[in-house]
Amino acid sequence: MKNITIMKTLSNQTYGGERPLFGMNDTHLEHITITDGESGIKCCNNIEADNCEFYGKYPWWHVDGARISNCYFAPGSRS
């Protein structure tokens, strides 16, 4: 039997500051903006992002099982 993972969805939200989405698991992000701060998405597992925008430093840091599509990474938002 195949394990099925049920993902929660966060959509149409803006997050800022240090590590606002720290430690998330099994989450689909849709039309999310991560503004200032550092490590917006950190120490997470099984994260999908679609049509999101990432600003600030290291928006994705120590993430296992990521799928990123149609997203914008501002200059300097390296990770």
PDB file of N, CA and C in Angstrom:
ATOM      1  N   MET A   1       0.838  -1.168   0.000  1.00  0.00           N
ATOM      2  CA  MET A   1       0.000   0.000   0.000  1.00  0.00           C
ATOM      3  C   MET A   1       0.889   1.239   0.000  1.00  0.00           C
ATOM      4  N   LYS A   2       0.533   2.233  -0.801  1.00  0.00           N
ATOM      5  CA  LYS A   2       1.298   3.457  -0.936  1.00  0.00           C
ATOM      6  C   LYS A   2       0.872   4.463   0.139  1.00  0.00           C
ATOM      7  N   ASN A   3       1.874   5.096   0.772  1.00  0.00           N
ATOM      8  CA  ASN A   3       1.574   6.149   1.742  1.00  0.00           C
ATOM      9  C   ASN A   3       1.132   7.406   1.009  1.00  0.00           C
ATOM     10  N   ILE A   4       0.074   8.023   1.467  1.00  0.00           N
ATOM     11  CA  ILE A   4      -0.429   9.256   0.873  1.00  0.00           C
ATOM     12  C   ILE A   4      -0.207  10.380   1.870  1.00  0.00           C
ATOM     13  N   THR A   5       0.474  11.426   1.417  1.00  0.00           N
ATOM     14  CA  THR A   5       0.721  12.581   2.264  1.00  0.00           C
ATOM     15  C   THR A   5      -0.319  13.647   1.951  1.00  0.00           C
ATOM     16  N   ILE A   6      -1.000  14.100   2.963  1.00  0.00           N
ATOM     17  CA  ILE A   6      -1.974  15.174   2.790  1.00  0.00           C
ATOM     18  C   ILE A   6      -1.265  16.478   3.107  1.00  0.00           C
ATOM     19  N   MET A   7      -1.267  17.371   2.119  1.00  0.00           N
ATOM     20  CA  MET A   7      -0.584  18.643   2.285  1.00  0.00           C
ATOM     21  C   MET A   7      -1.579  19.728   2.677  1.00  0.00           C
ATOM     22  N   LYS A   8      -1.164  20.567   3.609  1.00  0.00           N
ATOM     23  CA  LYS A   8      -1.960  21.758   3.901  1.00  0.00           C
ATOM     24  C   LYS A   8      -1.547  22.834   2.904  1.00  0.00           C
ATOM     25  N   THR A   9      -2.385  23.828   2.703  1.00  0.00           N
ATOM     26  CA  THR A   9      -2.109  24.893   1.743  1.00  0.00           C
ATOM     27  C   THR A   9      -2.136  26.243   2.433  1.00  0.00           C
ATOM     28  N   LEU A  10      -1.119  27.043   2.142  1.00  0.00           N
ATOM     29  CA  LEU A  10      -1.095  28.439   2.539  1.00  0.00           C
ATOM     30  C   LEU A  10      -1.154  29.242   1.248  1.00  0.00           C
ATOM     31  N   SER A  11      -2.077  30.198   1.158  1.00  0.00           N
ATOM     32  CA  SER A  11      -2.185  30.963  -0.078  1.00  0.00           C
ATOM     33  C   SER A  11      -2.520  32.423   0.205  1.00  0.00           C
ATOM     34  N   ASN A  12      -2.068  33.263  -0.739  1.00  0.00           N
ATOM     35  CA  ASN A  12      -2.372  34.692  -0.733  1.00  0.00           C
ATOM     36  C   ASN A  12      -2.024  35.365   0.591  1.00  0.00           C
ATOM     37  N   GLN A  13      -0.817  35.091   1.098  1.00  0.00           N
ATOM     38  CA  GLN A  13      -0.360  35.666   2.364  1.00  0.00           C
ATOM     39  C   GLN A  13       1.025  36.286   2.170  1.00  0.00           C
ATOM     40  N   THR A  14       1.368  37.220   3.050  1.00  0.00           N
ATOM     41  CA  THR A  14       2.696  37.816   3.087  1.00  0.00           C
ATOM     42  C   THR A  14       3.284  37.587   4.474  1.00  0.00           C
ATOM     43  N   TYR A  15       4.534  37.149   4.505  1.00  0.00           N
ATOM     44  CA  TYR A  15       5.231  36.867   5.752  1.00  0.00           C
ATOM     45  C   TYR A  15       6.554  37.614   5.762  1.00  0.00           C
ATOM     46  N   GLY A  16       6.951  38.127   6.917  1.00  0.00           N
ATOM     47  CA  GLY A  16       8.222  38.829   7.048  1.00  0.00           C
ATOM     48  C   GLY A  16       8.863  38.516   8.383  1.00  0.00           C
ATOM     49  N   GLY A  17      10.050  39.058   8.581  1.00  0.00           N
ATOM     50  CA  GLY A  17      10.770  38.830   9.833  1.00  0.00           C
ATOM     51  C   GLY A  17      11.653  37.601   9.736  1.00  0.00           C
ATOM     52  N   GLU A  18      12.162  37.194  10.876  1.00  0.00           N
ATOM     53  CA  GLU A  18      13.068  36.050  10.932  1.00  0.00           C
ATOM     54  C   GLU A  18      12.299  34.731  11.021  1.00  0.00           C
ATOM     55  N   ARG A  19      12.530  33.843  10.070  1.00  0.00           N
ATOM     56  CA  ARG A  19      11.999  32.478  10.052  1.00  0.00           C
ATOM     57  C   ARG A  19      10.489  32.374  10.286  1.00  0.00           C
ATOM     58  N   PRO A  20       9.670  33.088   9.530  1.00  0.00           N
ATOM     59  CA  PRO A  20       8.228  33.038   9.786  1.00  0.00           C
ATOM     60  C   PRO A  20       7.578  31.682   9.521  1.00  0.00           C
ATOM     61  N   LEU A  21       8.168  30.885   8.645  1.00  0.00           N
ATOM     62  CA  LEU A  21       7.579  29.574   8.330  1.00  0.00           C
ATOM     63  C   LEU A  21       8.525  28.450   8.744  1.00  0.00           C
ATOM     64  N   PHE A  22       9.194  28.621   9.860  1.00  0.00           N
ATOM     65  CA  PHE A  22      10.169  27.658  10.364  1.00  0.00           C
ATOM     66  C   PHE A  22       9.497  26.324  10.707  1.00  0.00           C
ATOM     67  N   GLY A  23      10.126  25.237  10.278  1.00  0.00           N
ATOM     68  CA  GLY A  23       9.714  23.895  10.689  1.00  0.00           C
ATOM     69  C   GLY A  23       8.433  23.365  10.073  1.00  0.00           C
ATOM     70  N   MET A  24       7.985  23.931   8.968  1.00  0.00           N
ATOM     71  CA  MET A  24       6.770  23.432   8.309  1.00  0.00           C
ATOM     72  C   MET A  24       7.041  22.080   7.657  1.00  0.00           C
ATOM     73  N   ASN A  25       5.998  21.295   7.566  1.00  0.00           N
ATOM     74  CA  ASN A  25       6.067  20.018   6.872  1.00  0.00           C
ATOM     75  C   ASN A  25       4.823  19.852   6.010  1.00  0.00           C
ATOM     76  N   ASP A  26       4.988  19.180   4.885  1.00  0.00           N
ATOM     77  CA  ASP A  26       3.862  18.804   4.032  1.00  0.00           C
ATOM     78  C   ASP A  26       2.942  19.994   3.751  1.00  0.00           C
ATOM     79  N   THR A  27       3.526  21.035   3.134  1.00  0.00           N
ATOM     80  CA  THR A  27       2.776  22.265   2.889  1.00  0.00           C
ATOM     81  C   THR A  27       2.961  22.733   1.450  1.00  0.00           C
ATOM     82  N   HIS A  28       1.860  23.168   0.855  1.00  0.00           N
ATOM     83  CA  HIS A  28       1.853  23.761  -0.483  1.00  0.00           C
ATOM     84  C   HIS A  28       1.675  25.260  -0.311  1.00  0.00           C
ATOM     85  N   LEU A  29       2.617  26.042  -0.856  1.00  0.00           N
ATOM     86  CA  LEU A  29       2.550  27.496  -0.808  1.00  0.00           C
ATOM     87  C   LEU A  29       2.109  28.010  -2.168  1.00  0.00           C
ATOM     88  N   GLU A  30       1.106  28.861  -2.186  1.00  0.00           N
ATOM     89  CA  GLU A  30       0.578  29.382  -3.444  1.00  0.00           C
ATOM     90  C   GLU A  30       0.341  30.879  -3.295  1.00  0.00           C
ATOM     91  N   HIS A  31       0.986  31.663  -4.151  1.00  0.00           N
ATOM     92  CA  HIS A  31       0.892  33.125  -4.107  1.00  0.00           C
ATOM     93  C   HIS A  31       1.278  33.665  -2.730  1.00  0.00           C
ATOM     94  N   ILE A  32       2.406  33.176  -2.207  1.00  0.00           N
ATOM     95  CA  ILE A  32       2.948  33.613  -0.925  1.00  0.00           C
ATOM     96  C   ILE A  32       4.108  34.566  -1.200  1.00  0.00           C
ATOM     97  N   THR A  33       4.234  35.601  -0.391  1.00  0.00           N
ATOM     98  CA  THR A  33       5.373  36.501  -0.462  1.00  0.00           C
ATOM     99  C   THR A  33       6.122  36.444   0.862  1.00  0.00           C
ATOM    100  N   ILE A  34       7.422  36.185   0.773  1.00  0.00           N
ATOM    101  CA  ILE A  34       8.302  36.245   1.934  1.00  0.00           C
ATOM    102  C   ILE A  34       9.105  37.525   1.755  1.00  0.00           C
ATOM    103  N   THR A  35       8.928  38.483   2.659  1.00  0.00           N
ATOM    104  CA  THR A  35       9.552  39.794   2.497  1.00  0.00           C
ATOM    105  C   THR A  35      10.916  39.838   3.170  1.00  0.00           C
ATOM    106  N   ASP A  36      11.139  40.828   3.984  1.00  0.00           N
ATOM    107  CA  ASP A  36      12.424  41.038   4.645  1.00  0.00           C
ATOM    108  C   ASP A  36      12.741  39.916   5.620  1.00  0.00           C
ATOM    109  N   GLY A  37      13.883  40.015   6.223  1.00  0.00           N
ATOM    110  CA  GLY A  37      14.264  39.003   7.201  1.00  0.00           C
ATOM    111  C   GLY A  37      15.164  37.947   6.601  1.00  0.00           C
ATOM    112  N   GLU A  38      15.434  36.942   7.381  1.00  0.00           N
ATOM    113  CA  GLU A  38      16.349  35.887   6.975  1.00  0.00           C
ATOM    114  C   GLU A  38      15.721  34.528   7.219  1.00  0.00           C
ATOM    115  N   SER A  39      15.979  33.610   6.298  1.00  0.00           N
ATOM    116  CA  SER A  39      15.550  32.213   6.425  1.00  0.00           C
ATOM    117  C   SER A  39      14.042  32.084   6.603  1.00  0.00           C
ATOM    118  N   GLY A  40      13.290  32.656   5.673  1.00  0.00           N
ATOM    119  CA  GLY A  40      11.828  32.607   5.738  1.00  0.00           C
ATOM    120  C   GLY A  40      11.266  31.201   5.815  1.00  0.00           C
ATOM    121  N   ILE A  41      11.862  30.285   5.063  1.00  0.00           N
ATOM    122  CA  ILE A  41      11.439  28.885   5.064  1.00  0.00           C
ATOM    123  C   ILE A  41      12.677  28.091   5.473  1.00  0.00           C
ATOM    124  N   LYS A  42      12.711  27.650   6.730  1.00  0.00           N
ATOM    125  CA  LYS A  42      13.917  26.997   7.250  1.00  0.00           C
ATOM    126  C   LYS A  42      13.551  25.727   8.012  1.00  0.00           C
ATOM    127  N   CYS A  43      14.399  24.709   7.852  1.00  0.00           N
ATOM    128  CA  CYS A  43      14.234  23.421   8.543  1.00  0.00           C
ATOM    129  C   CYS A  43      12.851  22.836   8.265  1.00  0.00           C
ATOM    130  N   CYS A  44      12.506  22.763   6.997  1.00  0.00           N
ATOM    131  CA  CYS A  44      11.189  22.267   6.576  1.00  0.00           C
ATOM    132  C   CYS A  44      11.350  21.005   5.735  1.00  0.00           C
ATOM    133  N   ASN A  45      10.260  20.260   5.606  1.00  0.00           N
ATOM    134  CA  ASN A  45      10.239  19.038   4.806  1.00  0.00           C
ATOM    135  C   ASN A  45       9.005  19.010   3.923  1.00  0.00           C
ATOM    136  N   ASN A  46       9.195  18.537   2.700  1.00  0.00           N
ATOM    137  CA  ASN A  46       8.100  18.321   1.763  1.00  0.00           C
ATOM    138  C   ASN A  46       7.293  19.599   1.556  1.00  0.00           C
ATOM    139  N   ILE A  47       7.943  20.613   0.960  1.00  0.00           N
ATOM    140  CA  ILE A  47       7.331  21.909   0.716  1.00  0.00           C
ATOM    141  C   ILE A  47       7.242  22.146  -0.786  1.00  0.00           C
ATOM    142  N   GLU A  48       6.094  22.579  -1.244  1.00  0.00           N
ATOM    143  CA  GLU A  48       5.894  22.961  -2.637  1.00  0.00           C
ATOM    144  C   GLU A  48       5.583  24.454  -2.673  1.00  0.00           C
ATOM    145  N   ALA A  49       6.154  25.162  -3.640  1.00  0.00           N
ATOM    146  CA  ALA A  49       5.865  26.588  -3.808  1.00  0.00           C
ATOM    147  C   ALA A  49       5.528  26.846  -5.262  1.00  0.00           C
ATOM    148  N   ASP A  50       4.445  27.549  -5.494  1.00  0.00           N
ATOM    149  CA  ASP A  50       4.007  27.866  -6.844  1.00  0.00           C
ATOM    150  C   ASP A  50       3.553  29.324  -6.883  1.00  0.00           C
ATOM    151  N   ASN A  51       4.093  30.074  -7.834  1.00  0.00           N
ATOM    152  CA  ASN A  51       3.742  31.487  -8.017  1.00  0.00           C
ATOM    153  C   ASN A  51       3.959  32.308  -6.748  1.00  0.00           C
ATOM    154  N   CYS A  52       5.130  32.145  -6.129  1.00  0.00           N
ATOM    155  CA  CYS A  52       5.474  32.875  -4.908  1.00  0.00           C
ATOM    156  C   CYS A  52       6.602  33.855  -5.210  1.00  0.00           C
ATOM    157  N   GLU A  53       6.822  34.784  -4.275  1.00  0.00           N
ATOM    158  CA  GLU A  53       7.905  35.754  -4.389  1.00  0.00           C
ATOM    159  C   GLU A  53       8.737  35.718  -3.111  1.00  0.00           C
ATOM    160  N   PHE A  54      10.063  35.733  -3.295  1.00  0.00           N
ATOM    161  CA  PHE A  54      10.979  35.620  -2.168  1.00  0.00           C
ATOM    162  C   PHE A  54      11.974  36.772  -2.171  1.00  0.00           C
ATOM    163  N   TYR A  55      12.007  37.490  -1.059  1.00  0.00           N
ATOM    164  CA  TYR A  55      12.921  38.605  -0.847  1.00  0.00           C
ATOM    165  C   TYR A  55      13.698  38.304   0.438  1.00  0.00           C
ATOM    166  N   GLY A  56      14.649  39.128   0.778  1.00  0.00           N
ATOM    167  CA  GLY A  56      15.415  38.894   2.002  1.00  0.00           C
ATOM    168  C   GLY A  56      16.499  37.844   1.771  1.00  0.00           C
ATOM    169  N   LYS A  57      17.246  37.560   2.832  1.00  0.00           N
ATOM    170  CA  LYS A  57      18.369  36.626   2.730  1.00  0.00           C
ATOM    171  C   LYS A  57      17.925  35.186   2.985  1.00  0.00           C
ATOM    172  N   TYR A  58      18.472  34.303   2.214  1.00  0.00           N
ATOM    173  CA  TYR A  58      18.296  32.864   2.399  1.00  0.00           C
ATOM    174  C   TYR A  58      16.832  32.447   2.599  1.00  0.00           C
ATOM    175  N   PRO A  59      15.962  32.719   1.642  1.00  0.00           N
ATOM    176  CA  PRO A  59      14.545  32.395   1.842  1.00  0.00           C
ATOM    177  C   PRO A  59      14.267  30.894   2.007  1.00  0.00           C
ATOM    178  N   TRP A  60      15.088  30.053   1.399  1.00  0.00           N
ATOM    179  CA  TRP A  60      14.963  28.591   1.569  1.00  0.00           C
ATOM    180  C   TRP A  60      16.268  28.109   2.186  1.00  0.00           C
ATOM    181  N   TRP A  61      16.196  27.534   3.375  1.00  0.00           N
ATOM    182  CA  TRP A  61      17.424  27.129   4.052  1.00  0.00           C
ATOM    183  C   TRP A  61      17.164  25.826   4.797  1.00  0.00           C
ATOM    184  N   HIS A  62      17.943  24.801   4.503  1.00  0.00           N
ATOM    185  CA  HIS A  62      17.809  23.477   5.125  1.00  0.00           C
ATOM    186  C   HIS A  62      16.399  22.911   4.907  1.00  0.00           C
ATOM    187  N   VAL A  63      16.013  22.814   3.638  1.00  0.00           N
ATOM    188  CA  VAL A  63      14.704  22.266   3.278  1.00  0.00           C
ATOM    189  C   VAL A  63      14.921  20.954   2.536  1.00  0.00           C
ATOM    190  N   ASP A  64      14.256  19.916   2.982  1.00  0.00           N
ATOM    191  CA  ASP A  64      14.320  18.609   2.328  1.00  0.00           C
ATOM    192  C   ASP A  64      13.010  18.355   1.599  1.00  0.00           C
ATOM    193  N   GLY A  65      13.098  17.932   0.355  1.00  0.00           N
ATOM    194  CA  GLY A  65      11.906  17.611  -0.417  1.00  0.00           C
ATOM    195  C   GLY A  65      11.167  18.846  -0.869  1.00  0.00           C
ATOM    196  N   ALA A  66      11.812  19.691  -1.665  1.00  0.00           N
ATOM    197  CA  ALA A  66      11.198  20.935  -2.132  1.00  0.00           C
ATOM    198  C   ALA A  66      10.871  20.850  -3.621  1.00  0.00           C
ATOM    199  N   ARG A  67       9.757  21.475  -3.984  1.00  0.00           N
ATOM    200  CA  ARG A  67       9.403  21.663  -5.401  1.00  0.00           C
ATOM    201  C   ARG A  67       9.028  23.133  -5.547  1.00  0.00           C
ATOM    202  N   ILE A  68       9.770  23.852  -6.397  1.00  0.00           N
ATOM    203  CA  ILE A  68       9.570  25.284  -6.586  1.00  0.00           C
ATOM    204  C   ILE A  68       9.271  25.512  -8.061  1.00  0.00           C
ATOM    205  N   SER A  69       8.126  26.137  -8.357  1.00  0.00           N
ATOM    206  CA  SER A  69       7.789  26.408  -9.754  1.00  0.00           C
ATOM    207  C   SER A  69       7.162  27.794  -9.889  1.00  0.00           C
ATOM    208  N   ASN A  70       7.517  28.463 -10.975  1.00  0.00           N
ATOM    209  CA  ASN A  70       6.962  29.769 -11.323  1.00  0.00           C
ATOM    210  C   ASN A  70       7.122  30.793 -10.202  1.00  0.00           C
ATOM    211  N   CYS A  71       8.248  30.772  -9.509  1.00  0.00           N
ATOM    212  CA  CYS A  71       8.491  31.682  -8.390  1.00  0.00           C
ATOM    213  C   CYS A  71       9.545  32.720  -8.758  1.00  0.00           C
ATOM    214  N   TYR A  72       9.504  33.845  -8.074  1.00  0.00           N
ATOM    215  CA  TYR A  72      10.455  34.931  -8.257  1.00  0.00           C
ATOM    216  C   TYR A  72      11.366  35.011  -7.033  1.00  0.00           C
ATOM    217  N   PHE A  73      12.682  35.061  -7.276  1.00  0.00           N
ATOM    218  CA  PHE A  73      13.667  35.276  -6.233  1.00  0.00           C
ATOM    219  C   PHE A  73      14.339  36.619  -6.520  1.00  0.00           C
ATOM    220  N   ALA A  74      14.180  37.583  -5.622  1.00  0.00           N
ATOM    221  CA  ALA A  74      14.763  38.904  -5.800  1.00  0.00           C
ATOM    222  C   ALA A  74      16.280  38.815  -5.750  1.00  0.00           C
ATOM    223  N   PRO A  75      16.976  39.754  -6.410  1.00  0.00           N
ATOM    224  CA  PRO A  75      18.436  39.787  -6.314  1.00  0.00           C
ATOM    225  C   PRO A  75      18.849  39.839  -4.845  1.00  0.00           C
ATOM    226  N   GLY A  76      19.817  39.032  -4.476  1.00  0.00           N
ATOM    227  CA  GLY A  76      20.292  38.987  -3.100  1.00  0.00           C
ATOM    228  C   GLY A  76      19.565  37.958  -2.238  1.00  0.00           C
ATOM    229  N   SER A  77      18.504  37.383  -2.752  1.00  0.00           N
ATOM    230  CA  SER A  77      17.776  36.349  -1.972  1.00  0.00           C
ATOM    231  C   SER A  77      18.328  34.986  -2.346  1.00  0.00           C
ATOM    232  N   ARG A  78      19.540  34.771  -1.987  1.00  0.00           N
ATOM    233  CA  ARG A  78      20.235  33.545  -2.369  1.00  0.00           C
ATOM    234  C   ARG A  78      20.035  32.448  -1.330  1.00  0.00           C
ATOM    235  N   SER A  79      19.978  31.241  -1.785  1.00  0.00           N
ATOM    236  CA  SER A  79      19.962  30.091  -0.873  1.00  0.00           C
ATOM    237  C   SER A  79      20.129  28.825  -1.673  1.00  0.00           C
TER     238      SER A  79
END
